[in-house]
Amino acid sequence: MADEWLTDDLPVLHAVRDLEEESEPGIPFTAAALAERVAFDQKRTIKLLTRLARADYIDGQSVDTMAGILDYYVDGLTERGRRAVGQWPSNDPWAGLVELLSTQIEAEQDDERRTRLVKLRDGVLSAGRGVGIALFTKFLEQQAGLG
């Protein structure tokens, strides 16, 4: 089974983000504009937009007829949609820590320090989210003088 998130949903979300940035504020755009951007047919695009709206990734309204959905007007991304396309940071502190470590690794010029950062990131990943958040919370408590 194909990963529909990567092949279908995420490209539509990225196209919504791009069209939202290119369009005048407050002016919705249609499924046809999105379909052209992602190279999907309009029927498939409407199906994906409906699915993304139900999952609270986009704001929009369908144009319904007795025969089904005729078109879809998209107002833009929701908070959840912005996080999915990387426009806003994740609200998961664990993901933020791993991302910060990865960014530091890429930017680090000193080989010894880079090696230590890689070991730290790998340790964070192997320890698991629950352990990492507990340790990070304890660290913050100590820094605030609460622990």
N, C-alpha and C. Protein backbone atom coordinates (compact mmCIF):
# COMPACT_ATOMS: atom_id res chain seq x y z
N MET A 1 0.84 -1.18 0.00
CA MET A 1 0.00 0.00 0.00
C MET A 1 0.89 1.24 0.00
N ALA A 2 0.59 2.18 -0.85
CA ALA A 2 1.37 3.42 -0.96
C ALA A 2 1.10 4.31 0.25
N ASP A 3 2.07 5.12 0.60
CA ASP A 3 1.92 6.07 1.68
C ASP A 3 1.20 7.30 1.14
N GLU A 4 -0.10 7.35 1.32
CA GLU A 4 -0.91 8.44 0.76
C GLU A 4 -0.57 9.79 1.37
N TRP A 5 -0.08 9.80 2.59
CA TRP A 5 0.30 11.06 3.20
C TRP A 5 1.39 11.74 2.36
N LEU A 6 2.40 10.96 1.97
CA LEU A 6 3.52 11.52 1.21
C LEU A 6 3.19 11.77 -0.26
N THR A 7 2.38 10.89 -0.86
CA THR A 7 2.12 11.01 -2.29
C THR A 7 0.92 11.89 -2.62
N ASP A 8 -0.03 12.01 -1.71
CA ASP A 8 -1.27 12.74 -2.00
C ASP A 8 -1.46 13.96 -1.10
N ASP A 9 -1.59 13.72 0.20
CA ASP A 9 -1.97 14.78 1.13
C ASP A 9 -0.91 15.87 1.28
N LEU A 10 0.32 15.48 1.53
CA LEU A 10 1.37 16.46 1.76
C LEU A 10 1.62 17.36 0.54
N PRO A 11 1.65 16.82 -0.69
CA PRO A 11 1.78 17.73 -1.84
C PRO A 11 0.65 18.75 -1.94
N VAL A 12 -0.57 18.34 -1.59
CA VAL A 12 -1.70 19.28 -1.62
C VAL A 12 -1.50 20.35 -0.55
N LEU A 13 -1.06 19.95 0.64
CA LEU A 13 -0.83 20.94 1.70
C LEU A 13 0.26 21.93 1.31
N HIS A 14 1.32 21.44 0.68
CA HIS A 14 2.38 22.34 0.22
C HIS A 14 1.85 23.30 -0.85
N ALA A 15 1.00 22.81 -1.73
CA ALA A 15 0.41 23.67 -2.76
C ALA A 15 -0.51 24.71 -2.14
N VAL A 16 -1.27 24.31 -1.13
CA VAL A 16 -2.12 25.28 -0.42
C VAL A 16 -1.25 26.37 0.19
N ARG A 17 -0.16 25.97 0.84
CA ARG A 17 0.75 26.95 1.44
C ARG A 17 1.28 27.91 0.37
N ASP A 18 1.71 27.38 -0.76
CA ASP A 18 2.28 28.22 -1.82
C ASP A 18 1.23 29.17 -2.39
N LEU A 19 0.04 28.66 -2.68
CA LEU A 19 -1.01 29.52 -3.23
C LEU A 19 -1.47 30.56 -2.22
N GLU A 20 -1.49 30.18 -0.97
CA GLU A 20 -1.87 31.12 0.09
C GLU A 20 -0.88 32.28 0.15
N GLU A 21 0.40 31.98 0.00
CA GLU A 21 1.43 33.02 0.03
C GLU A 21 1.38 33.90 -1.22
N GLU A 22 0.99 33.32 -2.35
CA GLU A 22 0.96 34.06 -3.61
C GLU A 22 -0.32 34.86 -3.82
N SER A 23 -1.38 34.48 -3.12
CA SER A 23 -2.70 35.09 -3.33
C SER A 23 -2.89 36.31 -2.44
N GLU A 24 -3.90 37.10 -2.81
CA GLU A 24 -4.28 38.24 -1.97
C GLU A 24 -4.90 37.72 -0.68
N PRO A 25 -4.64 38.36 0.45
CA PRO A 25 -5.21 37.91 1.72
C PRO A 25 -6.74 37.90 1.67
N GLY A 26 -7.31 36.85 2.21
CA GLY A 26 -8.76 36.74 2.29
C GLY A 26 -9.46 36.26 1.03
N ILE A 27 -8.71 36.02 -0.04
CA ILE A 27 -9.31 35.54 -1.29
C ILE A 27 -9.09 34.04 -1.38
N PRO A 28 -10.17 33.24 -1.31
CA PRO A 28 -9.99 31.79 -1.42
C PRO A 28 -9.59 31.38 -2.84
N PHE A 29 -9.02 30.20 -2.96
CA PHE A 29 -8.69 29.67 -4.27
C PHE A 29 -9.39 28.33 -4.44
N THR A 30 -9.50 27.91 -5.68
CA THR A 30 -10.33 26.75 -6.01
C THR A 30 -9.51 25.46 -6.09
N ALA A 31 -10.24 24.37 -6.12
CA ALA A 31 -9.63 23.06 -6.31
C ALA A 31 -8.92 23.00 -7.65
N ALA A 32 -9.45 23.69 -8.65
CA ALA A 32 -8.82 23.69 -9.98
C ALA A 32 -7.42 24.28 -9.92
N ALA A 33 -7.25 25.37 -9.17
CA ALA A 33 -5.92 25.99 -9.04
C ALA A 33 -4.96 25.03 -8.34
N LEU A 34 -5.45 24.34 -7.33
CA LEU A 34 -4.61 23.36 -6.63
C LEU A 34 -4.31 22.16 -7.51
N ALA A 35 -5.31 21.69 -8.23
CA ALA A 35 -5.12 20.53 -9.11
C ALA A 35 -4.03 20.79 -10.13
N GLU A 36 -4.05 22.00 -10.68
CA GLU A 36 -3.02 22.37 -11.66
C GLU A 36 -1.64 22.39 -11.00
N ARG A 37 -1.57 22.90 -9.79
CA ARG A 37 -0.30 23.03 -9.08
C ARG A 37 0.31 21.66 -8.75
N VAL A 38 -0.53 20.69 -8.35
CA VAL A 38 -0.01 19.38 -7.95
C VAL A 38 -0.11 18.33 -9.05
N ALA A 39 -0.65 18.71 -10.19
CA ALA A 39 -0.79 17.82 -11.34
C ALA A 39 -1.68 16.60 -11.03
N PHE A 40 -2.76 16.84 -10.27
CA PHE A 40 -3.79 15.84 -10.03
C PHE A 40 -5.03 16.30 -10.78
N ASP A 41 -5.93 15.37 -11.09
CA ASP A 41 -7.18 15.81 -11.69
C ASP A 41 -8.05 16.47 -10.61
N GLN A 42 -9.01 17.26 -11.03
CA GLN A 42 -9.80 18.05 -10.09
C GLN A 42 -10.61 17.16 -9.14
N LYS A 43 -11.14 16.06 -9.62
CA LYS A 43 -11.94 15.17 -8.77
C LYS A 43 -11.08 14.62 -7.63
N ARG A 44 -9.87 14.18 -7.95
CA ARG A 44 -8.96 13.67 -6.92
C ARG A 44 -8.59 14.78 -5.93
N THR A 45 -8.34 15.97 -6.44
CA THR A 45 -7.98 17.10 -5.59
C THR A 45 -9.11 17.43 -4.63
N ILE A 46 -10.35 17.44 -5.11
CA ILE A 46 -11.50 17.71 -4.25
C ILE A 46 -11.61 16.64 -3.16
N LYS A 47 -11.39 15.40 -3.52
CA LYS A 47 -11.42 14.30 -2.53
C LYS A 47 -10.36 14.53 -1.45
N LEU A 48 -9.17 14.91 -1.87
CA LEU A 48 -8.09 15.15 -0.91
C LEU A 48 -8.38 16.38 -0.05
N LEU A 49 -8.91 17.43 -0.64
CA LEU A 49 -9.25 18.63 0.13
C LEU A 49 -10.32 18.32 1.17
N THR A 50 -11.29 17.53 0.79
CA THR A 50 -12.35 17.14 1.73
C THR A 50 -11.74 16.36 2.90
N ARG A 51 -10.88 15.44 2.59
CA ARG A 51 -10.22 14.63 3.63
C ARG A 51 -9.36 15.51 4.53
N LEU A 52 -8.61 16.44 3.95
CA LEU A 52 -7.74 17.32 4.74
C LEU A 52 -8.55 18.29 5.61
N ALA A 53 -9.70 18.74 5.10
CA ALA A 53 -10.55 19.63 5.89
C ALA A 53 -11.15 18.87 7.07
N ARG A 54 -11.59 17.65 6.84
CA ARG A 54 -12.17 16.84 7.93
C ARG A 54 -11.14 16.54 9.02
N ALA A 55 -9.88 16.46 8.63
CA ALA A 55 -8.80 16.19 9.60
C ALA A 55 -8.22 17.50 10.15
N ASP A 56 -8.82 18.64 9.82
CA ASP A 56 -8.44 19.96 10.32
C ASP A 56 -7.04 20.38 9.89
N TYR A 57 -6.69 20.12 8.64
CA TYR A 57 -5.44 20.62 8.08
C TYR A 57 -5.66 21.88 7.25
N ILE A 58 -6.86 22.05 6.71
CA ILE A 58 -7.17 23.23 5.90
C ILE A 58 -8.52 23.80 6.31
N ASP A 59 -8.69 25.10 6.00
CA ASP A 59 -9.99 25.75 6.10
C ASP A 59 -10.52 25.91 4.69
N GLY A 60 -11.77 25.54 4.49
CA GLY A 60 -12.35 25.69 3.18
C GLY A 60 -13.80 25.28 3.18
N GLN A 61 -14.45 25.48 2.03
CA GLN A 61 -15.86 25.13 1.89
C GLN A 61 -16.05 24.40 0.57
N SER A 62 -16.85 23.36 0.63
CA SER A 62 -17.18 22.64 -0.59
C SER A 62 -18.40 23.29 -1.23
N VAL A 63 -18.48 23.16 -2.55
CA VAL A 63 -19.65 23.59 -3.30
C VAL A 63 -20.37 22.31 -3.68
N ASP A 64 -21.48 22.05 -2.99
CA ASP A 64 -22.19 20.79 -3.14
C ASP A 64 -23.39 20.91 -4.08
N THR A 65 -23.64 19.82 -4.79
CA THR A 65 -24.84 19.68 -5.60
C THR A 65 -25.47 18.34 -5.23
N MET A 66 -26.59 18.04 -5.83
CA MET A 66 -27.24 16.75 -5.57
C MET A 66 -26.35 15.60 -6.02
N ALA A 67 -25.49 15.85 -7.00
CA ALA A 67 -24.63 14.80 -7.56
C ALA A 67 -23.33 14.65 -6.77
N GLY A 68 -23.08 15.52 -5.79
CA GLY A 68 -21.85 15.45 -5.01
C GLY A 68 -21.15 16.80 -4.95
N ILE A 69 -19.89 16.77 -4.63
CA ILE A 69 -19.13 18.02 -4.51
C ILE A 69 -18.69 18.47 -5.90
N LEU A 70 -19.05 19.69 -6.23
CA LEU A 70 -18.74 20.26 -7.54
C LEU A 70 -17.38 20.95 -7.54
N ASP A 71 -17.07 21.63 -6.44
CA ASP A 71 -15.81 22.36 -6.35
C ASP A 71 -15.48 22.55 -4.87
N TYR A 72 -14.32 23.11 -4.63
CA TYR A 72 -13.88 23.35 -3.26
C TYR A 72 -13.15 24.68 -3.23
N TYR A 73 -13.53 25.54 -2.31
CA TYR A 73 -12.85 26.82 -2.12
C TYR A 73 -12.01 26.75 -0.85
N VAL A 74 -10.73 26.99 -1.00
CA VAL A 74 -9.80 26.86 0.12
C VAL A 74 -9.43 28.25 0.62
N ASP A 75 -9.60 28.43 1.94
CA ASP A 75 -9.22 29.70 2.58
C ASP A 75 -7.75 29.67 2.99
N GLY A 76 -7.24 28.50 3.36
CA GLY A 76 -5.84 28.40 3.76
C GLY A 76 -5.60 27.24 4.71
N LEU A 77 -4.42 27.21 5.24
CA LEU A 77 -4.03 26.17 6.17
C LEU A 77 -4.48 26.50 7.59
N THR A 78 -4.78 25.47 8.36
CA THR A 78 -5.04 25.64 9.78
C THR A 78 -3.70 25.56 10.52
N GLU A 79 -3.75 25.71 11.82
CA GLU A 79 -2.53 25.56 12.63
C GLU A 79 -1.91 24.19 12.39
N ARG A 80 -2.74 23.17 12.39
CA ARG A 80 -2.24 21.80 12.17
C ARG A 80 -1.60 21.66 10.79
N GLY A 81 -2.20 22.27 9.79
CA GLY A 81 -1.65 22.23 8.44
C GLY A 81 -0.31 22.94 8.35
N ARG A 82 -0.20 24.08 9.03
CA ARG A 82 1.07 24.82 9.02
C ARG A 82 2.18 24.02 9.68
N ARG A 83 1.86 23.31 10.72
CA ARG A 83 2.86 22.46 11.39
C ARG A 83 3.27 21.31 10.46
N ALA A 84 2.31 20.76 9.72
CA ALA A 84 2.59 19.62 8.84
C ALA A 84 3.55 19.97 7.71
N VAL A 85 3.47 21.20 7.21
CA VAL A 85 4.35 21.61 6.11
C VAL A 85 5.61 22.31 6.60
N GLY A 86 5.79 22.37 7.92
CA GLY A 86 7.00 22.95 8.48
C GLY A 86 6.98 24.47 8.53
N GLN A 87 5.82 25.07 8.32
CA GLN A 87 5.73 26.52 8.37
C GLN A 87 5.72 27.01 9.82
N TRP A 88 5.20 26.20 10.71
CA TRP A 88 5.21 26.49 12.15
C TRP A 88 5.92 25.35 12.84
N PRO A 89 6.52 25.61 13.98
CA PRO A 89 7.22 24.54 14.70
C PRO A 89 6.25 23.52 15.27
N SER A 90 6.74 22.33 15.44
CA SER A 90 5.95 21.27 16.05
C SER A 90 5.65 21.65 17.49
N ASN A 91 4.50 21.25 18.00
CA ASN A 91 4.21 21.49 19.41
C ASN A 91 4.68 20.32 20.26
N ASP A 92 5.45 19.43 19.67
CA ASP A 92 6.05 18.30 20.39
C ASP A 92 7.47 18.70 20.77
N PRO A 93 7.75 18.94 22.07
CA PRO A 93 9.08 19.39 22.47
C PRO A 93 10.16 18.36 22.12
N TRP A 94 9.80 17.10 22.08
CA TRP A 94 10.76 16.05 21.74
C TRP A 94 11.25 16.23 20.31
N ALA A 95 10.31 16.45 19.40
CA ALA A 95 10.67 16.66 17.99
C ALA A 95 11.53 17.91 17.85
N GLY A 96 11.21 18.95 18.62
CA GLY A 96 12.00 20.17 18.58
C GLY A 96 13.43 19.95 19.04
N LEU A 97 13.60 19.14 20.06
CA LEU A 97 14.95 18.84 20.56
C LEU A 97 15.75 18.09 19.51
N VAL A 98 15.17 17.08 18.91
CA VAL A 98 15.87 16.30 17.88
C VAL A 98 16.20 17.19 16.68
N GLU A 99 15.26 18.05 16.28
CA GLU A 99 15.50 18.96 15.16
C GLU A 99 16.61 19.95 15.48
N LEU A 100 16.60 20.49 16.70
CA LEU A 100 17.64 21.42 17.11
C LEU A 100 19.02 20.76 17.10
N LEU A 101 19.10 19.54 17.61
CA LEU A 101 20.37 18.81 17.60
C LEU A 101 20.84 18.56 16.17
N SER A 102 19.93 18.18 15.29
CA SER A 102 20.30 17.92 13.89
C SER A 102 20.80 19.20 13.22
N THR A 103 20.16 20.32 13.51
CA THR A 103 20.60 21.60 12.95
C THR A 103 22.00 21.96 13.46
N GLN A 104 22.22 21.73 14.75
CA GLN A 104 23.52 22.03 15.33
C GLN A 104 24.61 21.15 14.72
N ILE A 105 24.27 19.88 14.48
CA ILE A 105 25.23 18.95 13.88
C ILE A 105 25.64 19.44 12.49
N GLU A 106 24.66 19.85 11.70
CA GLU A 106 24.95 20.32 10.33
C GLU A 106 25.82 21.57 10.34
N ALA A 107 25.62 22.43 11.32
CA ALA A 107 26.34 23.71 11.35
C ALA A 107 27.72 23.61 12.02
N GLU A 108 27.93 22.57 12.80
CA GLU A 108 29.17 22.47 13.59
C GLU A 108 30.38 22.22 12.70
N GLN A 109 31.41 23.04 12.89
CA GLN A 109 32.65 22.92 12.11
C GLN A 109 33.67 22.01 12.79
N ASP A 110 33.65 21.97 14.10
CA ASP A 110 34.62 21.18 14.86
C ASP A 110 34.20 19.70 14.86
N ASP A 111 35.06 18.81 14.35
CA ASP A 111 34.73 17.39 14.24
C ASP A 111 34.44 16.74 15.58
N GLU A 112 35.23 17.08 16.60
CA GLU A 112 35.04 16.47 17.92
C GLU A 112 33.68 16.88 18.51
N ARG A 113 33.37 18.15 18.40
CA ARG A 113 32.07 18.63 18.92
C ARG A 113 30.92 18.03 18.11
N ARG A 114 31.07 17.94 16.78
CA ARG A 114 30.03 17.33 15.95
C ARG A 114 29.80 15.89 16.35
N THR A 115 30.88 15.15 16.62
CA THR A 115 30.75 13.75 17.04
C THR A 115 29.97 13.66 18.36
N ARG A 116 30.26 14.55 19.30
CA ARG A 116 29.54 14.54 20.58
C ARG A 116 28.06 14.87 20.37
N LEU A 117 27.77 15.82 19.48
CA LEU A 117 26.37 16.17 19.20
C LEU A 117 25.64 15.00 18.54
N VAL A 118 26.30 14.30 17.63
CA VAL A 118 25.69 13.13 16.98
C VAL A 118 25.38 12.07 18.03
N LYS A 119 26.31 11.82 18.94
CA LYS A 119 26.09 10.83 20.01
C LYS A 119 24.92 11.25 20.90
N LEU A 120 24.86 12.54 21.22
CA LEU A 120 23.75 13.03 22.03
C LEU A 120 22.42 12.84 21.31
N ARG A 121 22.36 13.23 20.02
CA ARG A 121 21.13 13.06 19.26
C ARG A 121 20.74 11.59 19.16
N ASP A 122 21.72 10.73 18.88
CA ASP A 122 21.43 9.30 18.77
C ASP A 122 20.96 8.73 20.11
N GLY A 123 21.54 9.22 21.20
CA GLY A 123 21.10 8.79 22.53
C GLY A 123 19.68 9.24 22.82
N VAL A 124 19.36 10.47 22.43
CA VAL A 124 18.01 10.99 22.62
C VAL A 124 17.02 10.14 21.83
N LEU A 125 17.37 9.82 20.58
CA LEU A 125 16.47 9.01 19.76
C LEU A 125 16.31 7.60 20.29
N SER A 126 17.40 7.00 20.77
CA SER A 126 17.30 5.62 21.23
C SER A 126 16.65 5.52 22.61
N ALA A 127 16.74 6.56 23.42
CA ALA A 127 16.12 6.53 24.75
C ALA A 127 14.60 6.51 24.67
N GLY A 128 14.10 7.13 23.65
CA GLY A 128 12.65 7.17 23.50
C GLY A 128 12.07 8.48 23.98
N ARG A 129 10.94 8.80 23.45
CA ARG A 129 10.29 10.08 23.71
C ARG A 129 9.95 10.26 25.19
N GLY A 130 9.38 9.26 25.81
CA GLY A 130 8.96 9.37 27.22
C GLY A 130 10.12 9.66 28.14
N VAL A 131 11.21 8.92 27.97
CA VAL A 131 12.40 9.12 28.80
C VAL A 131 12.99 10.50 28.54
N GLY A 132 13.06 10.88 27.29
CA GLY A 132 13.63 12.18 26.93
C GLY A 132 12.85 13.34 27.51
N ILE A 133 11.54 13.29 27.44
CA ILE A 133 10.72 14.37 27.97
C ILE A 133 10.85 14.43 29.49
N ALA A 134 10.89 13.28 30.14
CA ALA A 134 11.06 13.26 31.60
C ALA A 134 12.39 13.89 32.00
N LEU A 135 13.46 13.53 31.29
CA LEU A 135 14.77 14.10 31.59
C LEU A 135 14.81 15.60 31.31
N PHE A 136 14.24 16.00 30.19
CA PHE A 136 14.24 17.40 29.81
C PHE A 136 13.42 18.22 30.82
N THR A 137 12.29 17.69 31.26
CA THR A 137 11.46 18.36 32.25
C THR A 137 12.22 18.52 33.56
N LYS A 138 12.91 17.46 33.98
CA LYS A 138 13.71 17.51 35.21
C LYS A 138 14.82 18.56 35.08
N PHE A 139 15.46 18.62 33.94
CA PHE A 139 16.51 19.62 33.69
C PHE A 139 15.93 21.03 33.82
N LEU A 140 14.76 21.28 33.20
CA LEU A 140 14.16 22.59 33.27
C LEU A 140 13.76 22.96 34.69
N GLU A 141 13.27 21.97 35.44
CA GLU A 141 12.93 22.21 36.84
C GLU A 141 14.16 22.60 37.65
N GLN A 142 15.27 21.93 37.40
CA GLN A 142 16.52 22.25 38.10
C GLN A 142 16.99 23.65 37.73
N GLN A 143 16.89 24.00 36.46
CA GLN A 143 17.33 25.32 36.01
C GLN A 143 16.47 26.43 36.63
N ALA A 144 15.19 26.11 36.88
CA ALA A 144 14.28 27.09 37.47
C ALA A 144 14.36 27.09 38.99
N GLY A 145 15.19 26.20 39.58
CA GLY A 145 15.32 26.12 41.03
C GLY A 145 14.19 25.40 41.71
N LEU A 146 13.46 24.59 40.95
CA LEU A 146 12.32 23.86 41.51
C LEU A 146 12.66 22.43 41.91
N GLY A 147 13.82 21.94 41.51
CA GLY A 147 14.12 20.54 41.76
C GLY A 147 15.35 20.32 42.58
